[in-house]
Amino acid sequence: MVKIVLILFFIDADKENYMKYYEISLKLTRPNGLIVIDNTLWCGRIFNPNDNEEGTKVVRQINEHIKNDQSIDVSFLRLGDGITFCRKK
């Protein structure tokens, strides 16, 4: 008998701690589990090079980190303010 257990984390909190929430979620997620991160477009502010507010910088940082993280597969939806799905390998 095969037992399949999936874990889902949904990150939508204070932006300054997104990286911390992501790292904790990644440690707690089993293979094939999902980490869903909301607001990854940050109302398009991540594309404005003149926007250096802390929240904007953090969202840029988590996006770059996820892009380079080899332990996950990534899917992104432009729906609303942007949603990123990370499946742990």
Protein backbone atom coordinates (compact mmCIF):
# COMPACT_ATOMS: atom_id res chain seq x y z
CA MET A 1 0.00 0.00 0.00
CA VAL A 2 1.33 3.42 -0.97
CA LYS A 3 0.63 6.35 1.32
CA ILE A 4 0.82 9.77 -0.31
CA VAL A 5 1.08 12.81 1.91
CA LEU A 6 1.23 16.28 0.44
CA ILE A 7 1.91 19.39 2.43
CA LEU A 8 0.89 22.86 1.31
CA PHE A 9 2.27 26.12 2.68
CA PHE A 10 0.73 29.42 1.68
CA ILE A 11 2.92 32.46 2.27
CA ASP A 12 1.04 35.76 2.36
CA ALA A 13 2.26 37.79 5.31
CA ASP A 14 4.64 40.64 6.05
CA LYS A 15 6.96 40.88 3.09
CA GLU A 16 10.06 41.54 5.19
CA ASN A 17 9.93 37.92 6.43
CA TYR A 18 9.10 36.18 3.13
CA MET A 19 12.57 34.64 2.88
CA LYS A 20 12.39 33.32 6.43
CA TYR A 21 8.93 31.85 5.81
CA TYR A 22 10.14 30.26 2.58
CA GLU A 23 13.18 28.63 4.21
CA ILE A 24 11.10 27.25 7.08
CA SER A 25 8.45 25.97 4.67
CA LEU A 26 11.09 24.30 2.51
CA LYS A 27 12.52 22.46 5.53
CA LEU A 28 9.07 21.25 6.59
CA THR A 29 7.82 20.30 3.13
CA ARG A 30 8.07 16.71 2.00
CA PRO A 31 8.99 15.84 -1.58
CA ASN A 32 6.17 16.83 -3.96
CA GLY A 33 4.78 19.22 -1.34
CA LEU A 34 3.84 22.74 -2.42
CA ILE A 35 4.87 26.16 -1.23
CA VAL A 36 2.62 28.89 -2.63
CA ILE A 37 3.85 32.47 -2.42
CA ASP A 38 1.44 35.34 -2.96
CA ASN A 39 2.17 38.87 -4.21
CA THR A 40 5.26 37.96 -6.23
CA LEU A 41 4.54 40.74 -8.74
CA TRP A 42 3.98 43.26 -5.94
CA CYS A 43 1.58 45.36 -8.07
CA GLY A 44 4.28 45.55 -10.75
CA ARG A 45 6.57 47.47 -8.39
CA ILE A 46 9.33 44.86 -8.74
CA PHE A 47 9.86 46.10 -12.30
CA ASN A 48 10.39 49.73 -11.29
CA PRO A 49 14.15 50.23 -10.75
CA ASN A 50 13.43 53.42 -8.79
CA ASP A 51 11.30 51.60 -6.20
CA ASN A 52 13.67 50.72 -3.38
CA GLU A 53 11.16 50.33 -0.56
CA GLU A 54 11.94 47.42 1.75
CA GLY A 55 8.90 45.35 0.71
CA THR A 56 9.78 45.71 -2.96
CA LYS A 57 13.40 44.72 -2.38
CA VAL A 58 12.33 41.65 -0.40
CA VAL A 59 9.91 40.48 -3.10
CA ARG A 60 12.65 40.88 -5.72
CA GLN A 61 15.02 38.92 -3.46
CA ILE A 62 12.63 36.00 -2.90
CA ASN A 63 11.85 35.84 -6.64
CA GLU A 64 15.55 35.69 -7.49
CA HIS A 65 16.18 33.08 -4.79
CA ILE A 66 13.35 30.87 -6.03
CA LYS A 67 14.56 31.19 -9.63
CA ASN A 68 17.96 29.78 -8.60
CA ASP A 69 16.77 27.15 -6.09
CA GLN A 70 17.55 23.73 -7.59
CA SER A 71 15.56 21.88 -4.91
CA ILE A 72 12.20 22.96 -6.35
CA ASP A 73 10.22 23.12 -9.57
CA VAL A 74 8.56 26.50 -10.13
CA SER A 75 5.34 27.59 -11.77
CA PHE A 76 4.11 31.17 -11.85
CA LEU A 77 0.70 32.74 -12.45
CA ARG A 78 0.35 36.38 -13.45
CA LEU A 79 -3.15 36.28 -12.00
CA GLY A 80 -3.84 39.25 -9.77
CA ASP A 81 -0.69 40.30 -7.96
CA GLY A 82 1.27 37.20 -8.97
CA ILE A 83 1.33 33.76 -7.38
CA THR A 84 4.36 31.46 -7.41
CA PHE A 85 4.07 27.71 -6.87
CA CYS A 86 7.12 25.79 -5.70
CA ARG A 87 7.06 21.98 -5.75
CA LYS A 88 9.78 20.41 -3.68
CA LYS A 89 11.69 17.79 -5.68
